[in-house]
């Protein structure tokens, strides 16, 4: 059973991302790159403040085990009537 039913759409970090196999909204195990500021010294760093992040590579769905490329999933954006009308007139 999915931890987040398909009716619960992601609205934050995972907006537009769902498993193409089971439509789970996550969680997903994935590689990310995070860029930010740290206080660094010879022993390492602390006080990490992330400024931006980026998904890199595939994501693994925890619910069904499917591996998919989260960056290739384009959310479907419905067109408005004003966007459809000129196309329909041009094709007629």
N, C-alpha and C. Protein backbone atom coordinates (compact mmCIF):
# COMPACT_ATOMS: atom_id res chain seq x y z
N UNK A 1 0.85 -1.19 0.00
CA UNK A 1 0.00 0.00 0.00
C UNK A 1 0.88 1.24 0.00
N UNK A 2 0.51 2.24 -0.75
CA UNK A 2 1.27 3.48 -0.88
C UNK A 2 1.22 4.27 0.42
N UNK A 3 2.35 4.86 0.80
CA UNK A 3 2.39 5.69 1.99
C UNK A 3 1.61 6.98 1.77
N UNK A 4 1.62 7.50 0.54
CA UNK A 4 0.85 8.68 0.18
C UNK A 4 -0.07 8.29 -0.97
N UNK A 5 -1.37 8.21 -0.76
CA UNK A 5 -2.27 7.85 -1.84
C UNK A 5 -2.12 8.81 -3.02
N UNK A 6 -2.41 8.35 -4.26
CA UNK A 6 -2.25 9.19 -5.44
C UNK A 6 -3.04 10.49 -5.39
N UNK A 7 -4.07 10.58 -4.55
CA UNK A 7 -4.84 11.82 -4.47
C UNK A 7 -4.10 12.90 -3.72
N UNK A 8 -3.06 12.56 -2.95
CA UNK A 8 -2.28 13.53 -2.22
C UNK A 8 -1.11 13.97 -3.10
N UNK A 9 -1.27 15.05 -3.85
CA UNK A 9 -0.23 15.51 -4.77
C UNK A 9 0.84 16.28 -4.02
N UNK A 10 2.08 16.09 -4.45
CA UNK A 10 3.20 16.83 -3.87
C UNK A 10 3.09 18.30 -4.25
N UNK A 11 3.32 19.18 -3.29
CA UNK A 11 3.22 20.61 -3.55
C UNK A 11 4.47 21.36 -3.13
N UNK A 12 5.53 20.65 -2.80
CA UNK A 12 6.74 21.31 -2.33
C UNK A 12 7.93 20.79 -3.12
N UNK A 13 8.89 20.17 -2.48
CA UNK A 13 10.14 19.73 -3.11
C UNK A 13 9.89 18.75 -4.26
N UNK A 14 8.92 17.85 -4.12
CA UNK A 14 8.66 16.84 -5.14
C UNK A 14 7.49 17.20 -6.05
N UNK A 15 7.15 18.47 -6.15
CA UNK A 15 6.03 18.88 -6.99
C UNK A 15 6.21 18.37 -8.42
N UNK A 16 5.20 17.71 -8.95
CA UNK A 16 5.24 17.19 -10.31
C UNK A 16 5.92 15.84 -10.44
N UNK A 17 6.42 15.29 -9.35
CA UNK A 17 7.12 14.01 -9.41
C UNK A 17 6.26 12.93 -8.76
N UNK A 18 6.04 11.85 -9.51
CA UNK A 18 5.38 10.67 -8.98
C UNK A 18 5.93 9.46 -9.71
N UNK A 19 5.83 8.31 -9.09
CA UNK A 19 6.31 7.09 -9.70
C UNK A 19 5.48 6.77 -10.94
N UNK A 20 6.11 6.58 -12.10
CA UNK A 20 5.33 6.27 -13.30
C UNK A 20 4.70 4.88 -13.28
N UNK A 21 5.15 4.02 -12.39
CA UNK A 21 4.62 2.66 -12.30
C UNK A 21 3.39 2.57 -11.39
N UNK A 22 3.51 3.13 -10.16
CA UNK A 22 2.42 2.98 -9.19
C UNK A 22 1.77 4.31 -8.79
N UNK A 23 2.24 5.41 -9.35
CA UNK A 23 1.74 6.76 -9.09
C UNK A 23 1.93 7.21 -7.64
N UNK A 24 2.84 6.58 -6.91
CA UNK A 24 3.16 7.00 -5.56
C UNK A 24 3.76 8.40 -5.59
N UNK A 25 3.47 9.17 -4.57
CA UNK A 25 4.03 10.51 -4.43
C UNK A 25 5.30 10.50 -3.59
N UNK A 26 5.81 9.31 -3.30
CA UNK A 26 7.04 9.18 -2.54
C UNK A 26 6.78 8.58 -1.18
N UNK A 27 7.80 8.41 -0.41
CA UNK A 27 9.16 8.93 -0.60
C UNK A 27 9.95 8.15 -1.64
N UNK A 28 10.97 8.80 -2.19
CA UNK A 28 11.86 8.21 -3.17
C UNK A 28 13.30 8.32 -2.68
N UNK A 29 14.10 7.31 -2.98
CA UNK A 29 15.53 7.39 -2.71
C UNK A 29 16.16 7.92 -3.99
N UNK A 30 16.88 9.06 -3.89
CA UNK A 30 17.46 9.68 -5.06
C UNK A 30 18.74 10.43 -4.71
N UNK A 31 19.54 10.67 -5.72
CA UNK A 31 20.78 11.43 -5.56
C UNK A 31 20.46 12.90 -5.81
N UNK A 32 20.93 13.76 -4.92
CA UNK A 32 20.74 15.20 -5.11
C UNK A 32 22.07 15.92 -4.92
N UNK A 33 22.17 17.08 -5.52
CA UNK A 33 23.32 17.96 -5.30
C UNK A 33 22.78 19.18 -4.55
N UNK A 34 23.43 19.51 -3.44
CA UNK A 34 23.01 20.66 -2.63
C UNK A 34 24.16 21.66 -2.58
N UNK A 35 23.85 22.90 -2.88
CA UNK A 35 24.84 23.97 -2.84
C UNK A 35 24.46 24.92 -1.71
N UNK A 36 25.44 25.28 -0.89
CA UNK A 36 25.15 26.18 0.22
C UNK A 36 26.42 26.67 0.87
N UNK A 37 26.26 27.33 1.98
CA UNK A 37 27.38 27.89 2.74
C UNK A 37 27.63 27.05 4.00
N UNK A 38 28.91 26.90 4.35
CA UNK A 38 29.30 26.18 5.55
C UNK A 38 30.38 26.96 6.27
N UNK A 39 30.57 26.64 7.52
CA UNK A 39 31.72 27.10 8.28
C UNK A 39 32.72 25.95 8.22
N UNK A 40 33.82 26.15 7.49
CA UNK A 40 34.77 25.06 7.25
C UNK A 40 36.08 25.31 7.98
N UNK A 41 36.66 24.22 8.50
CA UNK A 41 38.02 24.27 9.03
C UNK A 41 38.70 22.96 8.66
N UNK A 42 39.88 22.72 9.16
CA UNK A 42 40.66 21.56 8.77
C UNK A 42 40.03 20.24 9.22
N UNK A 43 39.14 20.28 10.19
CA UNK A 43 38.49 19.08 10.70
C UNK A 43 37.19 18.74 9.96
N UNK A 44 36.72 19.63 9.10
CA UNK A 44 35.47 19.39 8.38
C UNK A 44 34.65 20.65 8.29
N UNK A 45 33.31 20.50 8.31
CA UNK A 45 32.46 21.68 8.26
C UNK A 45 31.26 21.51 9.17
N UNK A 46 30.60 22.64 9.44
CA UNK A 46 29.39 22.67 10.25
C UNK A 46 28.56 23.87 9.83
N UNK A 47 27.42 24.02 10.43
CA UNK A 47 26.51 25.13 10.13
C UNK A 47 26.17 25.21 8.64
N UNK A 48 25.78 24.08 8.05
CA UNK A 48 25.43 24.07 6.63
C UNK A 48 24.11 24.78 6.41
N UNK A 49 24.11 25.74 5.50
CA UNK A 49 22.90 26.48 5.10
C UNK A 49 22.68 26.27 3.61
N UNK A 50 21.74 25.39 3.23
CA UNK A 50 21.53 25.13 1.80
C UNK A 50 20.89 26.32 1.08
N UNK A 51 21.40 26.61 -0.11
CA UNK A 51 20.86 27.69 -0.93
C UNK A 51 20.04 27.15 -2.10
N UNK A 52 20.49 26.05 -2.70
CA UNK A 52 19.77 25.45 -3.82
C UNK A 52 20.07 23.97 -3.89
N UNK A 53 19.20 23.23 -4.55
CA UNK A 53 19.40 21.80 -4.70
C UNK A 53 18.97 21.38 -6.10
N UNK A 54 19.46 20.21 -6.52
CA UNK A 54 19.18 19.70 -7.85
C UNK A 54 19.13 18.18 -7.79
N UNK A 55 18.12 17.60 -8.44
CA UNK A 55 18.04 16.14 -8.53
C UNK A 55 19.03 15.66 -9.58
N UNK A 56 19.77 14.60 -9.27
CA UNK A 56 20.73 14.03 -10.21
C UNK A 56 20.44 12.54 -10.34
N UNK A 57 20.24 12.08 -11.53
CA UNK A 57 20.10 10.65 -11.75
C UNK A 57 18.77 10.07 -11.36
N UNK A 58 18.73 8.75 -11.26
CA UNK A 58 17.46 8.05 -11.08
C UNK A 58 16.92 8.14 -9.66
N UNK A 59 15.62 7.87 -9.55
CA UNK A 59 14.93 7.80 -8.26
C UNK A 59 14.38 6.39 -8.10
N UNK A 60 14.41 5.89 -6.88
CA UNK A 60 13.86 4.57 -6.56
C UNK A 60 12.60 4.78 -5.72
N UNK A 61 11.48 4.22 -6.19
CA UNK A 61 10.21 4.31 -5.47
C UNK A 61 10.24 3.34 -4.30
N UNK A 62 9.99 3.84 -3.12
CA UNK A 62 9.98 2.97 -1.93
C UNK A 62 8.76 2.05 -1.93
N UNK A 63 7.66 2.46 -2.58
CA UNK A 63 6.44 1.66 -2.56
C UNK A 63 6.50 0.44 -3.47
N UNK A 64 6.98 0.60 -4.72
CA UNK A 64 6.95 -0.53 -5.66
C UNK A 64 8.32 -0.98 -6.15
N UNK A 65 9.37 -0.21 -5.82
CA UNK A 65 10.72 -0.60 -6.22
C UNK A 65 11.13 -0.13 -7.61
N UNK A 66 10.23 0.52 -8.35
CA UNK A 66 10.53 1.02 -9.70
C UNK A 66 11.65 2.06 -9.63
N UNK A 67 12.57 2.00 -10.60
CA UNK A 67 13.61 3.01 -10.75
C UNK A 67 13.24 3.85 -11.96
N UNK A 68 13.22 5.17 -11.80
CA UNK A 68 12.83 6.05 -12.89
C UNK A 68 13.64 7.35 -12.82
N UNK A 69 13.67 8.08 -13.92
CA UNK A 69 14.39 9.34 -13.99
C UNK A 69 13.44 10.46 -13.62
N UNK A 70 13.58 11.00 -12.43
CA UNK A 70 12.69 12.05 -11.94
C UNK A 70 12.79 13.32 -12.78
N UNK A 71 13.91 13.53 -13.45
CA UNK A 71 14.08 14.75 -14.25
C UNK A 71 13.37 14.66 -15.59
N UNK A 72 12.93 13.49 -16.02
CA UNK A 72 12.24 13.33 -17.31
C UNK A 72 10.73 13.40 -17.17
N UNK A 73 10.24 13.61 -15.97
CA UNK A 73 8.79 13.65 -15.77
C UNK A 73 8.32 15.09 -15.86
N UNK A 74 7.64 15.43 -16.93
CA UNK A 74 7.09 16.76 -17.09
C UNK A 74 5.65 16.74 -16.63
N UNK A 75 5.29 17.61 -15.66
CA UNK A 75 3.90 17.63 -15.24
C UNK A 75 3.01 18.09 -16.40
N UNK A 76 1.82 17.53 -16.49
CA UNK A 76 0.88 17.93 -17.53
C UNK A 76 0.22 19.23 -17.10
N UNK A 77 0.41 20.26 -17.92
CA UNK A 77 -0.17 21.56 -17.63
C UNK A 77 -1.33 21.78 -18.60
N UNK A 78 -2.56 21.88 -18.09
CA UNK A 78 -3.68 22.06 -18.99
C UNK A 78 -3.62 23.42 -19.70
N UNK A 79 -4.04 23.44 -20.96
CA UNK A 79 -4.09 24.67 -21.72
C UNK A 79 -5.39 25.40 -21.43
N UNK A 80 -5.33 26.73 -21.49
CA UNK A 80 -6.55 27.52 -21.31
C UNK A 80 -7.26 27.63 -22.65
N UNK A 81 -8.53 28.07 -22.64
CA UNK A 81 -9.29 28.24 -23.88
C UNK A 81 -8.61 29.24 -24.81
N UNK A 82 -8.01 30.28 -24.26
CA UNK A 82 -7.36 31.29 -25.10
C UNK A 82 -6.13 30.72 -25.80
N UNK A 83 -5.49 29.71 -25.23
CA UNK A 83 -4.34 29.07 -25.88
C UNK A 83 -4.78 28.07 -26.94
N UNK A 84 -5.94 27.43 -26.74
CA UNK A 84 -6.43 26.43 -27.67
C UNK A 84 -7.08 27.06 -28.90
N UNK A 85 -7.84 28.15 -28.73
CA UNK A 85 -8.61 28.75 -29.82
C UNK A 85 -7.77 29.11 -31.03
N UNK A 86 -6.61 29.80 -30.90
CA UNK A 86 -5.83 30.14 -32.10
C UNK A 86 -5.33 28.91 -32.85
N UNK A 87 -4.97 27.85 -32.14
CA UNK A 87 -4.49 26.63 -32.77
C UNK A 87 -5.62 25.96 -33.55
N UNK A 88 -6.80 25.89 -32.95
CA UNK A 88 -7.96 25.28 -33.59
C UNK A 88 -8.36 26.05 -34.85
N UNK A 89 -8.30 27.38 -34.81
CA UNK A 89 -8.65 28.20 -35.97
C UNK A 89 -7.63 28.02 -37.08
N UNK A 90 -6.36 27.91 -36.75
CA UNK A 90 -5.30 27.75 -37.75
C UNK A 90 -5.40 26.40 -38.45
N UNK A 91 -5.87 25.37 -37.73
CA UNK A 91 -5.98 24.04 -38.30
C UNK A 91 -7.25 23.88 -39.14
N UNK A 92 -8.22 24.76 -38.95
CA UNK A 92 -9.51 24.64 -39.68
C UNK A 92 -9.41 25.11 -41.11
